Amino acid sequence: MTITTQPHVLPSANDLCWCGSGRKFKRCHKPLEGRVQAGAGSPRRNVPAQII
């Protein structure tokens, strides 16, 4: 089993996707680019006073 990880430098839109699917990057993982990834954002929120 081969484990693929997202590269630090993303391919251009018409290059093959880094995941190995054989699809162009723009049709595969580009739509996910820029979304919050696990651990990238803080889960902390202000808690309303009536709950505390």
N, C-alpha and C. Protein backbone atom coordinates (compact mmCIF):
# COMPACT_ATOMS: atom_id res chain seq x y z
N MET A 1 0.85 -1.18 0.00
CA MET A 1 0.00 0.00 0.00
C MET A 1 0.89 1.23 0.00
N THR A 2 0.58 2.17 -0.88
CA THR A 2 1.35 3.40 -0.98
C THR A 2 0.56 4.53 -0.33
N ILE A 3 1.23 5.25 0.54
CA ILE A 3 0.60 6.39 1.20
C ILE A 3 1.05 7.65 0.48
N THR A 4 0.08 8.44 0.00
CA THR A 4 0.42 9.69 -0.65
C THR A 4 0.06 10.84 0.27
N THR A 5 0.90 11.84 0.28
CA THR A 5 0.63 13.02 1.09
C THR A 5 0.59 14.23 0.18
N GLN A 6 -0.08 15.26 0.62
CA GLN A 6 -0.19 16.47 -0.17
C GLN A 6 1.16 17.16 -0.22
N PRO A 7 1.62 17.55 -1.41
CA PRO A 7 2.92 18.20 -1.52
C PRO A 7 2.88 19.63 -0.99
N HIS A 8 4.07 20.18 -0.72
CA HIS A 8 4.15 21.57 -0.25
C HIS A 8 3.94 22.54 -1.41
N VAL A 9 4.31 22.13 -2.63
CA VAL A 9 4.11 22.96 -3.82
C VAL A 9 3.04 22.28 -4.65
N LEU A 10 1.91 22.96 -4.84
CA LEU A 10 0.81 22.37 -5.59
C LEU A 10 1.07 22.44 -7.09
N PRO A 11 0.59 21.44 -7.84
CA PRO A 11 0.76 21.47 -9.29
C PRO A 11 -0.11 22.54 -9.92
N SER A 12 0.18 22.87 -11.17
CA SER A 12 -0.69 23.82 -11.87
C SER A 12 -2.00 23.13 -12.23
N ALA A 13 -2.99 23.88 -12.64
CA ALA A 13 -4.34 23.36 -12.85
C ALA A 13 -4.39 22.20 -13.85
N ASN A 14 -3.58 22.23 -14.90
CA ASN A 14 -3.65 21.20 -15.93
C ASN A 14 -2.69 20.04 -15.72
N ASP A 15 -1.88 20.06 -14.66
CA ASP A 15 -1.00 18.94 -14.34
C ASP A 15 -1.81 17.82 -13.73
N LEU A 16 -1.26 16.60 -13.76
CA LEU A 16 -1.93 15.49 -13.10
C LEU A 16 -1.94 15.73 -11.60
N CYS A 17 -3.00 15.30 -10.95
CA CYS A 17 -3.14 15.51 -9.52
C CYS A 17 -2.08 14.75 -8.74
N TRP A 18 -1.67 15.29 -7.62
CA TRP A 18 -0.66 14.69 -6.77
C TRP A 18 -1.12 13.39 -6.12
N CYS A 19 -2.44 13.14 -6.06
CA CYS A 19 -2.95 11.97 -5.34
C CYS A 19 -2.82 10.67 -6.14
N GLY A 20 -2.51 10.79 -7.44
CA GLY A 20 -2.34 9.59 -8.25
C GLY A 20 -3.61 9.09 -8.90
N SER A 21 -4.67 9.88 -8.90
CA SER A 21 -5.94 9.45 -9.48
C SER A 21 -5.91 9.42 -11.01
N GLY A 22 -4.96 10.13 -11.61
CA GLY A 22 -4.89 10.23 -13.06
C GLY A 22 -5.70 11.39 -13.61
N ARG A 23 -6.42 12.08 -12.75
CA ARG A 23 -7.23 13.23 -13.17
C ARG A 23 -6.37 14.49 -13.10
N LYS A 24 -6.80 15.52 -13.84
CA LYS A 24 -6.13 16.81 -13.75
C LYS A 24 -6.38 17.39 -12.36
N PHE A 25 -5.38 18.13 -11.88
CA PHE A 25 -5.47 18.74 -10.56
C PHE A 25 -6.72 19.60 -10.41
N LYS A 26 -7.07 20.37 -11.47
CA LYS A 26 -8.23 21.27 -11.38
C LYS A 26 -9.55 20.51 -11.25
N ARG A 27 -9.60 19.25 -11.64
CA ARG A 27 -10.81 18.44 -11.55
C ARG A 27 -10.79 17.50 -10.34
N CYS A 28 -9.69 17.48 -9.62
CA CYS A 28 -9.55 16.53 -8.51
C CYS A 28 -9.46 17.25 -7.16
N HIS A 29 -8.28 17.71 -6.78
CA HIS A 29 -8.09 18.30 -5.46
C HIS A 29 -8.07 19.83 -5.43
N LYS A 30 -8.03 20.50 -6.57
CA LYS A 30 -8.01 21.97 -6.57
C LYS A 30 -9.24 22.57 -5.91
N PRO A 31 -10.46 21.98 -6.10
CA PRO A 31 -11.62 22.56 -5.42
C PRO A 31 -11.50 22.54 -3.89
N LEU A 32 -10.66 21.65 -3.36
CA LEU A 32 -10.48 21.56 -1.91
C LEU A 32 -9.40 22.51 -1.39
N GLU A 33 -8.65 23.10 -2.30
CA GLU A 33 -7.55 23.98 -1.94
C GLU A 33 -8.06 25.17 -1.13
N GLY A 34 -7.40 25.46 -0.03
CA GLY A 34 -7.76 26.62 0.77
C GLY A 34 -8.79 26.35 1.85
N ARG A 35 -9.39 25.18 1.88
CA ARG A 35 -10.36 24.87 2.93
C ARG A 35 -9.62 24.55 4.22
N VAL A 36 -10.29 24.69 5.32
CA VAL A 36 -9.69 24.41 6.62
C VAL A 36 -9.42 22.92 6.74
N GLN A 37 -8.20 22.58 7.10
CA GLN A 37 -7.82 21.20 7.30
C GLN A 37 -7.78 20.91 8.79
N ALA A 38 -7.88 19.66 9.14
CA ALA A 38 -7.88 19.26 10.55
C ALA A 38 -6.66 19.82 11.26
N GLY A 39 -6.89 20.46 12.38
CA GLY A 39 -5.81 21.03 13.18
C GLY A 39 -5.34 22.40 12.71
N ALA A 40 -5.85 22.87 11.59
CA ALA A 40 -5.39 24.16 11.06
C ALA A 40 -6.13 25.34 11.70
N GLY A 41 -7.32 25.11 12.20
CA GLY A 41 -8.11 26.18 12.80
C GLY A 41 -8.36 25.90 14.26
N SER A 42 -8.61 26.91 15.01
CA SER A 42 -8.87 26.75 16.43
C SER A 42 -10.34 26.41 16.66
N PRO A 43 -10.62 25.38 17.45
CA PRO A 43 -12.01 25.01 17.73
C PRO A 43 -12.64 25.86 18.83
N ARG A 44 -11.88 26.79 19.42
CA ARG A 44 -12.39 27.58 20.54
C ARG A 44 -13.42 28.59 20.09
N ARG A 45 -14.46 28.71 20.90
CA ARG A 45 -15.51 29.69 20.65
C ARG A 45 -15.85 30.36 21.97
N ASN A 46 -16.46 31.52 21.90
CA ASN A 46 -16.94 32.17 23.11
C ASN A 46 -18.19 31.43 23.58
N VAL A 47 -18.24 31.16 24.87
CA VAL A 47 -19.39 30.48 25.44
C VAL A 47 -20.34 31.53 26.01
N PRO A 48 -21.61 31.49 25.63
CA PRO A 48 -22.57 32.45 26.16
C PRO A 48 -22.64 32.38 27.69
N ALA A 49 -22.83 33.53 28.34
CA ALA A 49 -22.84 33.61 29.80
C ALA A 49 -23.93 32.74 30.42
N GLN A 50 -25.09 32.59 29.77
CA GLN A 50 -26.17 31.80 30.35
C GLN A 50 -25.84 30.30 30.42
N ILE A 51 -24.84 29.85 29.69
CA ILE A 51 -24.46 28.44 29.73
C ILE A 51 -23.51 28.17 30.89
N ILE A 52 -22.66 29.14 31.20
CA ILE A 52 -21.64 28.96 32.24
C ILE A 52 -22.26 28.96 33.57
